[in-house]
Amino acid sequence: MVGAGAGKSRSNAWAWPVGILVGLAIGIPSFGSKGGVAFGVALGIAFAIAFGATGKRSEGGKADGDRSEGGADGPHRG
């Protein structure tokens, strides 16, 4: 059996390449070749963090390991 949230999460992996390409397009003309590449990588990381591509989260915004509303063991009361 696959994890409880299988099929419900959306991938935000597009944020990495989009951020890097936008960063390169802005950074290379502004800062030159070395500085532009560094700017592109930094902007790619910023996009990935901003759009949630770094963590595994479901559409509800909770991490996969969070079972506060129930999970494989049922609801947790306490």
N, C-alpha and C. Protein backbone atom coordinates (compact mmCIF):
# COMPACT_ATOMS: atom_id res chain seq x y z
N MET A 1 0.85 -1.18 0.00
CA MET A 1 0.00 0.00 0.00
C MET A 1 0.89 1.24 0.00
N VAL A 2 0.52 2.21 -0.78
CA VAL A 2 1.27 3.45 -0.88
C VAL A 2 0.82 4.37 0.24
N GLY A 3 1.61 5.40 0.55
CA GLY A 3 1.32 6.32 1.66
C GLY A 3 -0.10 6.87 1.65
N ALA A 4 -0.53 7.37 2.80
CA ALA A 4 -1.90 7.82 2.98
C ALA A 4 -2.28 8.98 2.07
N GLY A 5 -1.34 9.86 1.75
CA GLY A 5 -1.65 11.03 0.94
C GLY A 5 -1.28 10.85 -0.53
N ALA A 6 -1.11 9.61 -0.97
CA ALA A 6 -0.66 9.38 -2.34
C ALA A 6 -1.68 9.93 -3.34
N GLY A 7 -1.19 10.64 -4.32
CA GLY A 7 -2.06 11.17 -5.36
C GLY A 7 -2.68 12.51 -5.04
N LYS A 8 -2.57 12.97 -3.81
CA LYS A 8 -3.21 14.23 -3.43
C LYS A 8 -2.26 15.41 -3.48
N SER A 9 -0.96 15.17 -3.43
CA SER A 9 -0.03 16.29 -3.40
C SER A 9 0.32 16.74 -4.81
N ARG A 10 0.55 18.04 -4.93
CA ARG A 10 0.95 18.61 -6.22
C ARG A 10 2.42 18.92 -6.16
N SER A 11 3.10 18.68 -7.25
CA SER A 11 4.53 18.94 -7.30
C SER A 11 4.79 20.39 -7.68
N ASN A 12 5.67 21.00 -6.94
CA ASN A 12 6.09 22.37 -7.25
C ASN A 12 7.53 22.37 -7.73
N ALA A 13 7.93 21.27 -8.35
CA ALA A 13 9.31 21.16 -8.84
C ALA A 13 9.60 22.14 -9.97
N TRP A 14 8.58 22.69 -10.58
CA TRP A 14 8.77 23.66 -11.65
C TRP A 14 9.45 24.93 -11.14
N ALA A 15 9.40 25.19 -9.84
CA ALA A 15 9.96 26.43 -9.29
C ALA A 15 11.47 26.48 -9.43
N TRP A 16 12.16 25.33 -9.38
CA TRP A 16 13.62 25.32 -9.52
C TRP A 16 14.06 25.83 -10.88
N PRO A 17 13.66 25.18 -11.99
CA PRO A 17 14.16 25.64 -13.28
C PRO A 17 13.66 27.02 -13.67
N VAL A 18 12.44 27.36 -13.30
CA VAL A 18 11.91 28.68 -13.63
C VAL A 18 12.71 29.76 -12.91
N GLY A 19 12.96 29.56 -11.64
CA GLY A 19 13.74 30.53 -10.87
C GLY A 19 15.15 30.69 -11.40
N ILE A 20 15.78 29.57 -11.75
CA ILE A 20 17.15 29.65 -12.27
C ILE A 20 17.18 30.35 -13.62
N LEU A 21 16.24 30.02 -14.51
CA LEU A 21 16.22 30.66 -15.83
C LEU A 21 15.93 32.16 -15.73
N VAL A 22 14.99 32.53 -14.89
CA VAL A 22 14.71 33.96 -14.71
C VAL A 22 15.92 34.65 -14.11
N GLY A 23 16.56 34.00 -13.14
CA GLY A 23 17.75 34.58 -12.53
C GLY A 23 18.89 34.75 -13.52
N LEU A 24 19.07 33.76 -14.41
CA LEU A 24 20.11 33.87 -15.43
C LEU A 24 19.79 34.98 -16.42
N ALA A 25 18.52 35.07 -16.81
CA ALA A 25 18.12 36.10 -17.77
C ALA A 25 18.33 37.50 -17.21
N ILE A 26 18.16 37.67 -15.93
CA ILE A 26 18.36 38.98 -15.31
C ILE A 26 19.81 39.17 -14.88
N GLY A 27 20.41 38.11 -14.33
CA GLY A 27 21.73 38.23 -13.71
C GLY A 27 22.88 38.36 -14.67
N ILE A 28 22.87 37.61 -15.78
CA ILE A 28 24.02 37.64 -16.70
C ILE A 28 24.20 39.03 -17.32
N PRO A 29 23.14 39.67 -17.83
CA PRO A 29 23.36 41.02 -18.37
C PRO A 29 23.74 42.04 -17.28
N SER A 30 23.25 41.81 -16.06
CA SER A 30 23.51 42.78 -15.00
C SER A 30 24.87 42.59 -14.32
N PHE A 31 25.25 41.33 -14.05
CA PHE A 31 26.44 41.06 -13.24
C PHE A 31 27.56 40.37 -13.99
N GLY A 32 27.39 40.05 -15.26
CA GLY A 32 28.42 39.32 -15.99
C GLY A 32 28.22 37.82 -15.85
N SER A 33 29.16 37.04 -16.36
CA SER A 33 28.96 35.59 -16.42
C SER A 33 28.98 34.93 -15.04
N LYS A 34 30.00 35.16 -14.24
CA LYS A 34 30.09 34.48 -12.94
C LYS A 34 29.04 35.00 -11.96
N GLY A 35 28.93 36.29 -11.87
CA GLY A 35 27.93 36.87 -10.97
C GLY A 35 26.51 36.55 -11.40
N GLY A 36 26.28 36.48 -12.71
CA GLY A 36 24.95 36.16 -13.22
C GLY A 36 24.53 34.74 -12.91
N VAL A 37 25.48 33.81 -13.01
CA VAL A 37 25.17 32.42 -12.67
C VAL A 37 24.88 32.29 -11.18
N ALA A 38 25.67 32.96 -10.36
CA ALA A 38 25.42 32.93 -8.92
C ALA A 38 24.05 33.54 -8.59
N PHE A 39 23.72 34.64 -9.26
CA PHE A 39 22.42 35.27 -9.06
C PHE A 39 21.30 34.33 -9.50
N GLY A 40 21.49 33.63 -10.62
CA GLY A 40 20.48 32.70 -11.12
C GLY A 40 20.23 31.55 -10.16
N VAL A 41 21.30 30.99 -9.61
CA VAL A 41 21.15 29.90 -8.65
C VAL A 41 20.46 30.40 -7.38
N ALA A 42 20.85 31.57 -6.92
CA ALA A 42 20.23 32.14 -5.72
C ALA A 42 18.74 32.40 -5.94
N LEU A 43 18.39 32.92 -7.10
CA LEU A 43 16.98 33.18 -7.39
C LEU A 43 16.21 31.86 -7.54
N GLY A 44 16.84 30.84 -8.10
CA GLY A 44 16.20 29.52 -8.19
C GLY A 44 15.89 28.95 -6.82
N ILE A 45 16.83 29.10 -5.89
CA ILE A 45 16.59 28.63 -4.53
C ILE A 45 15.48 29.43 -3.87
N ALA A 46 15.47 30.74 -4.09
CA ALA A 46 14.42 31.58 -3.52
C ALA A 46 13.05 31.20 -4.07
N PHE A 47 12.94 30.94 -5.38
CA PHE A 47 11.68 30.50 -5.97
C PHE A 47 11.24 29.17 -5.36
N ALA A 48 12.18 28.24 -5.23
CA ALA A 48 11.85 26.92 -4.70
C ALA A 48 11.34 27.00 -3.26
N ILE A 49 11.98 27.84 -2.45
CA ILE A 49 11.53 27.99 -1.08
C ILE A 49 10.17 28.70 -1.03
N ALA A 50 10.01 29.73 -1.84
CA ALA A 50 8.76 30.49 -1.82
C ALA A 50 7.57 29.68 -2.29
N PHE A 51 7.77 28.81 -3.26
CA PHE A 51 6.66 28.04 -3.80
C PHE A 51 6.59 26.63 -3.24
N GLY A 52 7.37 26.32 -2.21
CA GLY A 52 7.24 25.06 -1.51
C GLY A 52 7.78 23.84 -2.22
N ALA A 53 8.77 23.99 -3.07
CA ALA A 53 9.32 22.84 -3.78
C ALA A 53 10.33 22.09 -2.94
N THR A 54 10.66 22.58 -1.75
CA THR A 54 11.70 21.94 -0.95
C THR A 54 11.14 20.93 0.02
N GLY A 55 9.89 21.02 0.42
CA GLY A 55 9.33 20.09 1.39
C GLY A 55 8.19 19.30 0.79
N LYS A 56 7.92 18.16 1.37
CA LYS A 56 6.80 17.34 0.90
C LYS A 56 5.57 17.73 1.70
N ARG A 57 4.72 18.51 1.09
CA ARG A 57 3.50 18.95 1.75
C ARG A 57 2.31 18.62 0.88
N SER A 58 1.21 18.34 1.52
CA SER A 58 -0.01 18.07 0.78
C SER A 58 -0.70 19.39 0.48
N GLU A 59 -1.82 19.35 -0.24
CA GLU A 59 -2.52 20.58 -0.59
C GLU A 59 -3.05 21.30 0.64
N GLY A 60 -3.27 20.57 1.73
CA GLY A 60 -3.76 21.17 2.95
C GLY A 60 -2.71 21.97 3.69
N GLY A 61 -1.45 21.84 3.29
CA GLY A 61 -0.39 22.62 3.89
C GLY A 61 0.30 21.95 5.05
N LYS A 62 -0.08 20.72 5.39
CA LYS A 62 0.57 20.01 6.48
C LYS A 62 1.60 19.06 5.92
N ALA A 63 2.65 18.85 6.65
CA ALA A 63 3.68 17.91 6.23
C ALA A 63 3.12 16.50 6.25
N ASP A 64 3.71 15.60 5.45
CA ASP A 64 3.22 14.23 5.35
C ASP A 64 3.25 13.50 6.68
N GLY A 65 4.22 13.80 7.52
CA GLY A 65 4.35 13.10 8.79
C GLY A 65 3.39 13.59 9.86
N ASP A 66 2.68 14.69 9.63
CA ASP A 66 1.78 15.25 10.62
C ASP A 66 0.49 14.44 10.65
N ARG A 67 0.22 13.79 11.79
CA ARG A 67 -0.97 12.96 11.90
C ARG A 67 -1.94 13.53 12.92
N SER A 68 -1.99 14.83 13.09
CA SER A 68 -2.83 15.42 14.12
C SER A 68 -4.31 15.24 13.84
N GLU A 69 -4.71 15.08 12.58
CA GLU A 69 -6.11 14.87 12.26
C GLU A 69 -6.41 13.42 11.93
N GLY A 70 -5.51 12.55 12.26
CA GLY A 70 -5.71 11.14 11.96
C GLY A 70 -4.74 10.70 10.90
N GLY A 71 -4.68 9.44 10.70
CA GLY A 71 -3.77 8.88 9.72
C GLY A 71 -3.97 7.39 9.67
N ALA A 72 -2.91 6.65 9.55
CA ALA A 72 -3.01 5.20 9.48
C ALA A 72 -3.54 4.63 10.80
N ASP A 73 -3.28 5.30 11.92
CA ASP A 73 -3.71 4.81 13.23
C ASP A 73 -5.09 5.33 13.62
N GLY A 74 -5.70 6.14 12.81
CA GLY A 74 -6.99 6.73 13.17
C GLY A 74 -6.78 8.07 13.83
N PRO A 75 -7.86 8.73 14.25
CA PRO A 75 -7.73 10.04 14.89
C PRO A 75 -7.01 9.94 16.23
N HIS A 76 -6.22 10.95 16.51
CA HIS A 76 -5.51 11.02 17.78
C HIS A 76 -6.26 11.93 18.72
N ARG A 77 -6.59 11.43 19.87
CA ARG A 77 -7.33 12.23 20.83
C ARG A 77 -6.43 12.48 22.03
N GLY A 78 -6.61 13.60 22.63
CA GLY A 78 -5.80 13.75 23.82
C GLY A 78 -5.70 15.08 24.30
